[in-house]
C-alpha cells in the first residue's frame, strides 16, 4: 500500500509569463488502500496534476509526498523505486502500446524490469496478469490491432500491475470506450483495488462513473479543488454549484456498472 499527499501544488502553463496556473495550490491526500476520484471538465488541470505527481510535469510550488518522502528531490535510485511504486494508465491504449509487440511481450517486458524471471515464471506471470484484468490468457499472443479497445486498455492496465505498484493513477482510462465497455472496466478497477489493496487516483470527467469506483471525490475546476468529500456526500448533497452541474449533466451508468459484465 502507498500513501499520497499533495500539498499546495502549483503547475504553470508552459511559456506562460502571467500568473496562469494549470494547477493552482491543490492539496489532496490518498490514504493507503483507498481510491480518490478526481473529476472535472477537460482543461481543468487534472492531467497536469497527475503528471506533476509522477515527475512528468515541472512543479512550480508545493510538495508531493509518497509514503512521507518528498517525490520532487529524488535520486536516480529513488526515481527507480518510485517507478515501481507508482504506475500510470493513460486514456488511449493505442498510443500506449507498441503495435509491434504482442500482449505477452508487453507484459514480460514490464514484469522483468525489476526482477529476473525464467521462462516458466514469465509465462505464469503473463497468465496471472491477464487473469487479474479479466482477459483470457489465450489472448497473450495477439497484437494490439487484434484486440478490441477494451481489451487493449486491459492490457495497459495489466502492464501497470506487472511491477506490483502501491499507487495506480488511472487518467481518463474509460473515456474513449463504449458505455457498456466503460462499465466493465470500472468494475475491474474497483475489484482490483479491493483485491490488491491498491491506492488509486482515478481521473475522469464523468462524475457518476468516478463516484462508482471512489471512496472520496475531489472536484477540480480552473486548476483548483472546489469541493472534496466522501462519495456518498458528493452524490446526495453536493455543495458547490459546479459539482451539481457535473452531476446533472451526465447520465448515470445505472445498473450497468453493478452487473458482472463480460469483458469485451
C-alpha atoms as a PDB file:
ATOM      1  CA  UNK A   1       0.000   0.000   0.000  1.00  0.00           C
ATOM      2  CA  UNK A   2       1.120   3.543  -0.760  1.00  0.00           C
ATOM      3  CA  UNK A   3       0.012   6.861   0.687  1.00  0.00           C
ATOM      4  CA  UNK A   4      -0.010  10.006  -1.453  1.00  0.00           C
ATOM      5  CA  UNK A   5      -0.029  13.538  -0.039  1.00  0.00           C
ATOM      6  CA  UNK A   6      -0.134  16.622  -2.254  1.00  0.00           C
ATOM      7  CA  UNK A   7       0.181  19.998  -0.539  1.00  0.00           C
ATOM      8  CA  UNK A   8      -0.357  23.423  -2.140  1.00  0.00           C
ATOM      9  CA  UNK A   9       0.849  22.161  -5.545  1.00  0.00           C
ATOM     10  CA  UNK A  10       1.231  24.663  -8.366  1.00  0.00           C
ATOM     11  CA  UNK A  11       1.937  23.942 -12.035  1.00  0.00           C
ATOM     12  CA  UNK A  12       2.079  26.768 -14.563  1.00  0.00           C
ATOM     13  CA  UNK A  13       1.257  26.506 -18.241  1.00  0.00           C
ATOM     14  CA  UNK A  14       4.431  26.187 -20.369  1.00  0.00           C
ATOM     15  CA  UNK A  15       5.667  29.555 -21.608  1.00  0.00           C
ATOM     16  CA  UNK A  16       3.175  31.497 -19.535  1.00  0.00           C
ATOM     17  CA  UNK A  17       4.532  34.742 -18.094  1.00  0.00           C
ATOM     18  CA  UNK A  18       1.316  35.580 -16.347  1.00  0.00           C
ATOM     19  CA  UNK A  19       0.051  34.049 -13.151  1.00  0.00           C
ATOM     20  CA  UNK A  20      -1.914  31.494 -15.140  1.00  0.00           C
ATOM     21  CA  UNK A  21      -1.697  28.087 -13.480  1.00  0.00           C
ATOM     22  CA  UNK A  22      -2.791  24.697 -14.752  1.00  0.00           C
ATOM     23  CA  UNK A  23      -2.740  23.553 -11.130  1.00  0.00           C
ATOM     24  CA  UNK A  24      -3.295  26.321  -8.597  1.00  0.00           C
ATOM     25  CA  UNK A  25      -2.455  25.463  -4.996  1.00  0.00           C
ATOM     26  CA  UNK A  26      -4.010  21.997  -4.936  1.00  0.00           C
ATOM     27  CA  UNK A  27      -3.913  19.849  -1.804  1.00  0.00           C
ATOM     28  CA  UNK A  28      -5.230  16.314  -1.583  1.00  0.00           C
ATOM     29  CA  UNK A  29      -4.490  13.015   0.107  1.00  0.00           C
ATOM     30  CA  UNK A  30      -4.987   9.363  -0.770  1.00  0.00           C
ATOM     31  CA  UNK A  31      -4.675   7.170   2.326  1.00  0.00           C
ATOM     32  CA  UNK A  32      -3.195   3.735   1.737  1.00  0.00           C
ATOM     33  CA  UNK A  33      -5.596   1.291   0.125  1.00  0.00           C
ATOM     34  CA  UNK A  34      -8.253   3.828  -0.883  1.00  0.00           C
ATOM     35  CA  UNK A  35      -9.449   5.415  -4.120  1.00  0.00           C
ATOM     36  CA  UNK A  36      -9.687   9.144  -4.696  1.00  0.00           C
ATOM     37  CA  UNK A  37     -11.706  10.210  -7.713  1.00  0.00           C
ATOM     38  CA  UNK A  38     -10.592  13.442  -9.378  1.00  0.00           C
ATOM     39  CA  UNK A  39     -13.269  14.855 -11.643  1.00  0.00           C
ATOM     40  CA  UNK A  40     -13.584  17.936 -13.831  1.00  0.00           C
ATOM     41  CA  UNK A  41     -14.050  19.053 -17.407  1.00  0.00           C
ATOM     42  CA  UNK A  42     -11.271  18.979 -19.992  1.00  0.00           C
ATOM     43  CA  UNK A  43      -8.724  21.693 -19.238  1.00  0.00           C
ATOM     44  CA  UNK A  44      -9.464  21.779 -15.521  1.00  0.00           C
ATOM     45  CA  UNK A  45      -5.905  20.676 -14.666  1.00  0.00           C
ATOM     46  CA  UNK A  46      -6.483  17.014 -13.822  1.00  0.00           C
ATOM     47  CA  UNK A  47      -3.848  15.542 -16.153  1.00  0.00           C
ATOM     48  CA  UNK A  48      -1.350  18.284 -15.245  1.00  0.00           C
ATOM     49  CA  UNK A  49      -1.761  17.312 -11.615  1.00  0.00           C
ATOM     50  CA  UNK A  50      -1.205  13.634 -12.431  1.00  0.00           C
ATOM     51  CA  UNK A  51       1.875  14.480 -14.480  1.00  0.00           C
ATOM     52  CA  UNK A  52       3.288  16.546 -11.631  1.00  0.00           C
ATOM     53  CA  UNK A  53       2.810  13.693  -9.170  1.00  0.00           C
ATOM     54  CA  UNK A  54       4.907  11.294 -11.252  1.00  0.00           C
ATOM     55  CA  UNK A  55       7.503  13.882 -12.291  1.00  0.00           C
ATOM     56  CA  UNK A  56       6.475  14.303 -15.933  1.00  0.00           C
ATOM     57  CA  UNK A  57       5.389  17.928 -15.460  1.00  0.00           C
ATOM     58  CA  UNK A  58       7.552  20.618 -13.790  1.00  0.00           C
ATOM     59  CA  UNK A  59       6.260  21.789 -10.415  1.00  0.00           C
ATOM     60  CA  UNK A  60       6.433  25.471  -9.527  1.00  0.00           C
ATOM     61  CA  UNK A  61       5.467  25.169  -5.890  1.00  0.00           C
ATOM     62  CA  UNK A  62       4.139  22.862  -3.214  1.00  0.00           C
ATOM     63  CA  UNK A  63       5.003  19.313  -2.177  1.00  0.00           C
ATOM     64  CA  UNK A  64       4.320  15.768  -3.314  1.00  0.00           C
ATOM     65  CA  UNK A  65       4.929  13.121  -0.654  1.00  0.00           C
ATOM     66  CA  UNK A  66       4.790   9.402  -1.330  1.00  0.00           C
ATOM     67  CA  UNK A  67       4.767   7.406   1.886  1.00  0.00           C
ATOM     68  CA  UNK A  68       6.063  10.510   3.620  1.00  0.00           C
ATOM     69  CA  UNK A  69       9.043  11.026   1.302  1.00  0.00           C
ATOM     70  CA  UNK A  70       9.450  14.041  -0.954  1.00  0.00           C
ATOM     71  CA  UNK A  71       8.939  12.988  -4.562  1.00  0.00           C
ATOM     72  CA  UNK A  72      10.475  16.065  -6.212  1.00  0.00           C
ATOM     73  CA  UNK A  73      14.024  15.727  -4.912  1.00  0.00           C
ATOM     74  CA  UNK A  74      14.725  12.180  -5.972  1.00  0.00           C
ATOM     75  CA  UNK A  75      17.999  10.465  -6.722  1.00  0.00           C
ATOM     76  CA  UNK A  76      18.199   8.031  -9.635  1.00  0.00           C
ATOM     77  CA  UNK A  77      17.679   5.203  -7.173  1.00  0.00           C
ATOM     78  CA  UNK A  78      14.649   6.955  -5.695  1.00  0.00           C
ATOM     79  CA  UNK A  79      13.169   7.541  -9.160  1.00  0.00           C
ATOM     80  CA  UNK A  80      13.557   3.874  -9.966  1.00  0.00           C
ATOM     81  CA  UNK A  81      11.874   2.928  -6.702  1.00  0.00           C
ATOM     82  CA  UNK A  82       9.076   5.414  -7.426  1.00  0.00           C
ATOM     83  CA  UNK A  83       8.573   3.850 -10.852  1.00  0.00           C
ATOM     84  CA  UNK A  84       7.811   0.580  -9.161  1.00  0.00           C
ATOM     85  CA  UNK A  85       5.501   2.003  -6.520  1.00  0.00           C
ATOM     86  CA  UNK A  86       3.555   4.393  -8.763  1.00  0.00           C
ATOM     87  CA  UNK A  87       2.191   3.410 -12.170  1.00  0.00           C
ATOM     88  CA  UNK A  88       0.054   5.343 -14.655  1.00  0.00           C
ATOM     89  CA  UNK A  89      -2.544   4.113 -17.141  1.00  0.00           C
ATOM     90  CA  UNK A  90      -3.463   6.676 -19.784  1.00  0.00           C
ATOM     91  CA  UNK A  91      -6.569   7.364 -21.825  1.00  0.00           C
ATOM     92  CA  UNK A  92      -5.508   5.998 -25.206  1.00  0.00           C
ATOM     93  CA  UNK A  93      -4.160   2.421 -25.264  1.00  0.00           C
ATOM     94  CA  UNK A  94      -3.491   2.752 -28.996  1.00  0.00           C
ATOM     95  CA  UNK A  95      -0.608   5.114 -28.316  1.00  0.00           C
ATOM     96  CA  UNK A  96       0.410   3.475 -25.029  1.00  0.00           C
ATOM     97  CA  UNK A  97       1.007   0.010 -26.517  1.00  0.00           C
ATOM     98  CA  UNK A  98       3.722  -0.831 -29.031  1.00  0.00           C
ATOM     99  CA  UNK A  99       1.830  -2.063 -32.129  1.00  0.00           C
ATOM    100  CA  UNK A 100       4.680  -4.479 -32.944  1.00  0.00           C
ATOM    101  CA  UNK A 101       4.574  -6.253 -29.582  1.00  0.00           C
ATOM    102  CA  UNK A 102       2.106  -8.918 -28.528  1.00  0.00           C
ATOM    103  CA  UNK A 103       0.366  -8.675 -25.180  1.00  0.00           C
ATOM    104  CA  UNK A 104       2.758 -11.334 -23.904  1.00  0.00           C
ATOM    105  CA  UNK A 105       5.852  -9.402 -24.990  1.00  0.00           C
ATOM    106  CA  UNK A 106       4.488  -6.207 -23.459  1.00  0.00           C
ATOM    107  CA  UNK A 107       3.808  -7.847 -20.115  1.00  0.00           C
ATOM    108  CA  UNK A 108       7.077  -9.767 -19.991  1.00  0.00           C
ATOM    109  CA  UNK A 109       8.989  -6.561 -20.667  1.00  0.00           C
ATOM    110  CA  UNK A 110       7.236  -4.840 -17.761  1.00  0.00           C
ATOM    111  CA  UNK A 111       7.422  -7.798 -15.378  1.00  0.00           C
ATOM    112  CA  UNK A 112      11.180  -8.182 -15.795  1.00  0.00           C
ATOM    113  CA  UNK A 113      12.137  -4.538 -15.252  1.00  0.00           C
ATOM    114  CA  UNK A 114      12.740  -5.038 -11.536  1.00  0.00           C
ATOM    115  CA  UNK A 115      13.265  -8.792 -11.226  1.00  0.00           C
ATOM    116  CA  UNK A 116      14.566 -11.765 -13.132  1.00  0.00           C
ATOM    117  CA  UNK A 117      12.135 -14.458 -14.212  1.00  0.00           C
ATOM    118  CA  UNK A 118      12.869 -17.700 -16.011  1.00  0.00           C
ATOM    119  CA  UNK A 119      10.790 -18.758 -18.997  1.00  0.00           C
ATOM    120  CA  UNK A 120       8.254 -20.736 -16.988  1.00  0.00           C
ATOM    121  CA  UNK A 121       7.836 -17.936 -14.443  1.00  0.00           C
ATOM    122  CA  UNK A 122       7.344 -15.404 -17.242  1.00  0.00           C
ATOM    123  CA  UNK A 123       4.575 -17.460 -18.787  1.00  0.00           C
ATOM    124  CA  UNK A 124       2.923 -17.904 -15.411  1.00  0.00           C
ATOM    125  CA  UNK A 125       3.156 -14.193 -14.678  1.00  0.00           C
ATOM    126  CA  UNK A 126       1.606 -13.246 -18.025  1.00  0.00           C
ATOM    127  CA  UNK A 127      -1.342 -15.577 -17.420  1.00  0.00           C
ATOM    128  CA  UNK A 128      -1.735 -14.209 -13.889  1.00  0.00           C
ATOM    129  CA  UNK A 129      -1.751 -10.586 -15.064  1.00  0.00           C
ATOM    130  CA  UNK A 130      -4.229 -11.200 -17.870  1.00  0.00           C
ATOM    131  CA  UNK A 131      -6.489 -13.037 -15.461  1.00  0.00           C
ATOM    132  CA  UNK A 132      -6.319 -10.152 -12.982  1.00  0.00           C
ATOM    133  CA  UNK A 133      -7.723  -7.718 -15.550  1.00  0.00           C
ATOM    134  CA  UNK A 134     -10.357 -10.110 -16.851  1.00  0.00           C
ATOM    135  CA  UNK A 135      -8.704 -11.270 -20.068  1.00  0.00           C
ATOM    136  CA  UNK A 136      -8.393 -14.806 -21.370  1.00  0.00           C
ATOM    137  CA  UNK A 137      -4.702 -15.849 -21.253  1.00  0.00           C
ATOM    138  CA  UNK A 138      -5.184 -17.208 -24.780  1.00  0.00           C
ATOM    139  CA  UNK A 139      -5.133 -13.585 -25.970  1.00  0.00           C
ATOM    140  CA  UNK A 140      -1.490 -13.248 -24.905  1.00  0.00           C
ATOM    141  CA  UNK A 141      -0.042 -13.725 -28.370  1.00  0.00           C
ATOM    142  CA  UNK A 142      -2.242 -11.174 -30.106  1.00  0.00           C
ATOM    143  CA  UNK A 143      -1.022  -7.798 -31.312  1.00  0.00           C
ATOM    144  CA  UNK A 144      -2.870  -4.640 -30.245  1.00  0.00           C
ATOM    145  CA  UNK A 145      -4.645  -4.367 -33.602  1.00  0.00           C
ATOM    146  CA  UNK A 146      -6.117  -7.836 -32.993  1.00  0.00           C
ATOM    147  CA  UNK A 147      -7.718  -6.720 -29.733  1.00  0.00           C
ATOM    148  CA  UNK A 148     -10.770  -4.575 -29.061  1.00  0.00           C
ATOM    149  CA  UNK A 149     -10.436  -1.151 -27.447  1.00  0.00           C
ATOM    150  CA  UNK A 150     -11.493  -2.523 -24.087  1.00  0.00           C
ATOM    151  CA  UNK A 151      -9.049  -5.406 -24.354  1.00  0.00           C
ATOM    152  CA  UNK A 152      -6.199  -3.050 -25.230  1.00  0.00           C
ATOM    153  CA  UNK A 153      -6.981  -0.899 -22.223  1.00  0.00           C
ATOM    154  CA  UNK A 154      -6.944  -4.003 -20.035  1.00  0.00           C
ATOM    155  CA  UNK A 155      -3.514  -4.955 -21.390  1.00  0.00           C
ATOM    156  CA  UNK A 156      -2.310  -1.456 -20.477  1.00  0.00           C
ATOM    157  CA  UNK A 157      -3.721  -1.951 -17.006  1.00  0.00           C
ATOM    158  CA  UNK A 158      -2.053  -5.367 -16.712  1.00  0.00           C
ATOM    159  CA  UNK A 159       1.263  -3.825 -17.721  1.00  0.00           C
ATOM    160  CA  UNK A 160       0.951  -1.262 -14.937  1.00  0.00           C
ATOM    161  CA  UNK A 161       0.222  -4.026 -12.431  1.00  0.00           C
ATOM    162  CA  UNK A 162       3.206  -6.104 -13.602  1.00  0.00           C
ATOM    163  CA  UNK A 163       5.579  -4.302 -11.219  1.00  0.00           C
ATOM    164  CA  UNK A 164       3.254  -4.646  -8.194  1.00  0.00           C
ATOM    165  CA  UNK A 165       2.704  -0.904  -7.644  1.00  0.00           C
ATOM    166  CA  UNK A 166       1.193   0.527  -4.484  1.00  0.00           C
ATOM    167  CA  UNK A 167      -0.396   3.524  -6.223  1.00  0.00           C
ATOM    168  CA  UNK A 168      -2.194   3.397  -9.567  1.00  0.00           C
ATOM    169  CA  UNK A 169      -3.049   6.584 -11.445  1.00  0.00           C
ATOM    170  CA  UNK A 170      -5.814   5.971 -13.977  1.00  0.00           C
ATOM    171  CA  UNK A 171      -6.122   9.044 -16.213  1.00  0.00           C
ATOM    172  CA  UNK A 172      -9.386   9.087 -18.209  1.00  0.00           C
ATOM    173  CA  UNK A 173      -8.977   5.393 -18.983  1.00  0.00           C
ATOM    174  CA  UNK A 174     -12.636   4.821 -19.885  1.00  0.00           C
ATOM    175  CA  UNK A 175     -13.392   7.998 -21.845  1.00  0.00           C
ATOM    176  CA  UNK A 176     -12.504   6.512 -25.248  1.00  0.00           C
ATOM    177  CA  UNK A 177     -14.556   3.343 -24.681  1.00  0.00           C
ATOM    178  CA  UNK A 178     -18.171   2.483 -25.405  1.00  0.00           C
ATOM    179  CA  UNK A 179     -20.523   2.877 -22.447  1.00  0.00           C
ATOM    180  CA  UNK A 180     -21.003  -0.882 -21.982  1.00  0.00           C
ATOM    181  CA  UNK A 181     -17.235  -1.390 -22.012  1.00  0.00           C
ATOM    182  CA  UNK A 182     -16.745   1.509 -19.613  1.00  0.00           C
ATOM    183  CA  UNK A 183     -18.936  -0.200 -17.039  1.00  0.00           C
ATOM    184  CA  UNK A 184     -16.938  -3.409 -17.265  1.00  0.00           C
ATOM    185  CA  UNK A 185     -13.587  -1.636 -16.921  1.00  0.00           C
ATOM    186  CA  UNK A 186     -14.873   0.371 -13.941  1.00  0.00           C
ATOM    187  CA  UNK A 187     -15.916  -2.850 -12.235  1.00  0.00           C
ATOM    188  CA  UNK A 188     -12.459  -4.278 -12.902  1.00  0.00           C
ATOM    189  CA  UNK A 189     -10.737  -1.241 -11.350  1.00  0.00           C
ATOM    190  CA  UNK A 190     -12.909  -1.478  -8.267  1.00  0.00           C
ATOM    191  CA  UNK A 191     -12.286  -5.208  -7.900  1.00  0.00           C
ATOM    192  CA  UNK A 192      -8.520  -4.807  -8.365  1.00  0.00           C
ATOM    193  CA  UNK A 193      -8.334  -2.055  -5.759  1.00  0.00           C
ATOM    194  CA  UNK A 194     -10.024  -4.268  -3.216  1.00  0.00           C
ATOM    195  CA  UNK A 195      -8.169  -7.457  -4.100  1.00  0.00           C
ATOM    196  CA  UNK A 196      -4.691  -5.947  -4.244  1.00  0.00           C
ATOM    197  CA  UNK A 197      -5.108  -3.219  -1.643  1.00  0.00           C
ATOM    198  CA  UNK A 198      -4.085  -0.565  -4.159  1.00  0.00           C
ATOM    199  CA  UNK A 199      -4.212   3.153  -3.607  1.00  0.00           C
ATOM    200  CA  UNK A 200      -5.843   4.661  -6.705  1.00  0.00           C
ATOM    201  CA  UNK A 201      -6.115   8.140  -8.181  1.00  0.00           C
ATOM    202  CA  UNK A 202      -8.967   7.762 -10.671  1.00  0.00           C
ATOM    203  CA  UNK A 203      -9.270  10.744 -13.020  1.00  0.00           C
ATOM    204  CA  UNK A 204     -12.292  11.405 -15.202  1.00  0.00           C
ATOM    205  CA  UNK A 205     -14.905  13.879 -16.356  1.00  0.00           C
ATOM    206  CA  UNK A 206     -17.982  11.679 -15.835  1.00  0.00           C
ATOM    207  CA  UNK A 207     -18.913  12.247 -12.190  1.00  0.00           C
ATOM    208  CA  UNK A 208     -21.210   9.203 -11.753  1.00  0.00           C
ATOM    209  CA  UNK A 209     -18.526   6.941 -13.246  1.00  0.00           C
ATOM    210  CA  UNK A 210     -15.836   8.399 -10.992  1.00  0.00           C
ATOM    211  CA  UNK A 211     -18.082   8.015  -7.963  1.00  0.00           C
ATOM    212  CA  UNK A 212     -18.667   4.360  -8.824  1.00  0.00           C
ATOM    213  CA  UNK A 213     -15.041   3.440  -8.076  1.00  0.00           C
ATOM    214  CA  UNK A 214     -14.084   6.062  -5.476  1.00  0.00           C
ATOM    215  CA  UNK A 215     -14.127   6.329  -1.693  1.00  0.00           C
ATOM    216  CA  UNK A 216     -13.624  10.098  -1.857  1.00  0.00           C
ATOM    217  CA  UNK A 217     -14.181  12.530  -4.717  1.00  0.00           C
ATOM    218  CA  UNK A 218     -12.385  15.817  -5.400  1.00  0.00           C
ATOM    219  CA  UNK A 219     -13.920  18.184  -7.948  1.00  0.00           C
ATOM    220  CA  UNK A 220     -11.453  20.292  -9.927  1.00  0.00           C
ATOM    221  CA  UNK A 221     -12.188  23.487 -11.847  1.00  0.00           C
ATOM    222  CA  UNK A 222      -9.783  26.014 -13.346  1.00  0.00           C
ATOM    223  CA  UNK A 223      -6.825  24.380 -11.615  1.00  0.00           C
ATOM    224  CA  UNK A 224      -8.349  24.334  -8.148  1.00  0.00           C
ATOM    225  CA  UNK A 225     -10.210  21.836  -5.977  1.00  0.00           C
ATOM    226  CA  UNK A 226     -13.647  23.379  -5.428  1.00  0.00           C
ATOM    227  CA  UNK A 227     -15.131  20.530  -3.415  1.00  0.00           C
ATOM    228  CA  UNK A 228     -13.863  17.342  -1.782  1.00  0.00           C
ATOM    229  CA  UNK A 229     -15.959  14.879   0.192  1.00  0.00           C
ATOM    230  CA  UNK A 230     -16.797  11.197   0.669  1.00  0.00           C
ATOM    231  CA  UNK A 231     -18.511   9.763  -2.389  1.00  0.00           C
ATOM    232  CA  UNK A 232     -21.923   9.382  -0.756  1.00  0.00           C
ATOM    233  CA  UNK A 233     -21.862  13.039   0.286  1.00  0.00           C
ATOM    234  CA  UNK A 234     -21.000  14.170  -3.234  1.00  0.00           C
ATOM    235  CA  UNK A 235     -23.848  12.104  -4.698  1.00  0.00           C
ATOM    236  CA  UNK A 236     -26.513  13.007  -2.134  1.00  0.00           C
ATOM    237  CA  UNK A 237     -25.642  16.540  -1.058  1.00  0.00           C
ATOM    238  CA  UNK A 238     -23.127  18.275  -3.387  1.00  0.00           C
ATOM    239  CA  UNK A 239     -22.252  21.712  -2.029  1.00  0.00           C
ATOM    240  CA  UNK A 240     -20.632  23.522  -4.948  1.00  0.00           C
ATOM    241  CA  UNK A 241     -22.729  24.651  -7.936  1.00  0.00           C
ATOM    242  CA  UNK A 242     -20.137  23.227 -10.334  1.00  0.00           C
ATOM    243  CA  UNK A 243     -20.402  19.814  -8.684  1.00  0.00           C
ATOM    244  CA  UNK A 244     -24.183  19.922  -9.035  1.00  0.00           C
ATOM    245  CA  UNK A 245     -23.789  20.849 -12.701  1.00  0.00           C
ATOM    246  CA  UNK A 246     -21.452  17.913 -13.331  1.00  0.00           C
ATOM    247  CA  UNK A 247     -23.803  15.542 -11.565  1.00  0.00           C
ATOM    248  CA  UNK A 248     -26.820  16.728 -13.555  1.00  0.00           C
ATOM    249  CA  UNK A 249     -25.136  16.903 -16.966  1.00  0.00           C
ATOM    250  CA  UNK A 250     -24.021  13.277 -17.283  1.00  0.00           C
ATOM    251  CA  UNK A 251     -26.455  10.344 -17.131  1.00  0.00           C
ATOM    252  CA  UNK A 252     -25.670   7.736 -14.510  1.00  0.00           C
ATOM    253  CA  UNK A 253     -24.274   4.445 -15.663  1.00  0.00           C
ATOM    254  CA  UNK A 254     -27.139   2.926 -13.700  1.00  0.00           C
ATOM    255  CA  UNK A 255     -27.264  -0.792 -13.282  1.00  0.00           C
ATOM    256  CA  UNK A 256     -24.680  -1.400 -15.998  1.00  0.00           C
ATOM    257  CA  UNK A 257     -21.829  -0.894 -13.544  1.00  0.00           C
ATOM    258  CA  UNK A 258     -23.269  -3.243 -10.992  1.00  0.00           C
ATOM    259  CA  UNK A 259     -23.543  -6.202 -13.299  1.00  0.00           C
ATOM    260  CA  UNK A 260     -20.813  -8.718 -13.844  1.00  0.00           C
ATOM    261  CA  UNK A 261     -20.481  -7.801 -17.492  1.00  0.00           C
ATOM    262  CA  UNK A 262     -18.456  -9.774 -19.974  1.00  0.00           C
ATOM    263  CA  UNK A 263     -15.002  -8.377 -20.617  1.00  0.00           C
ATOM    264  CA  UNK A 264     -15.015  -7.032 -24.174  1.00  0.00           C
END
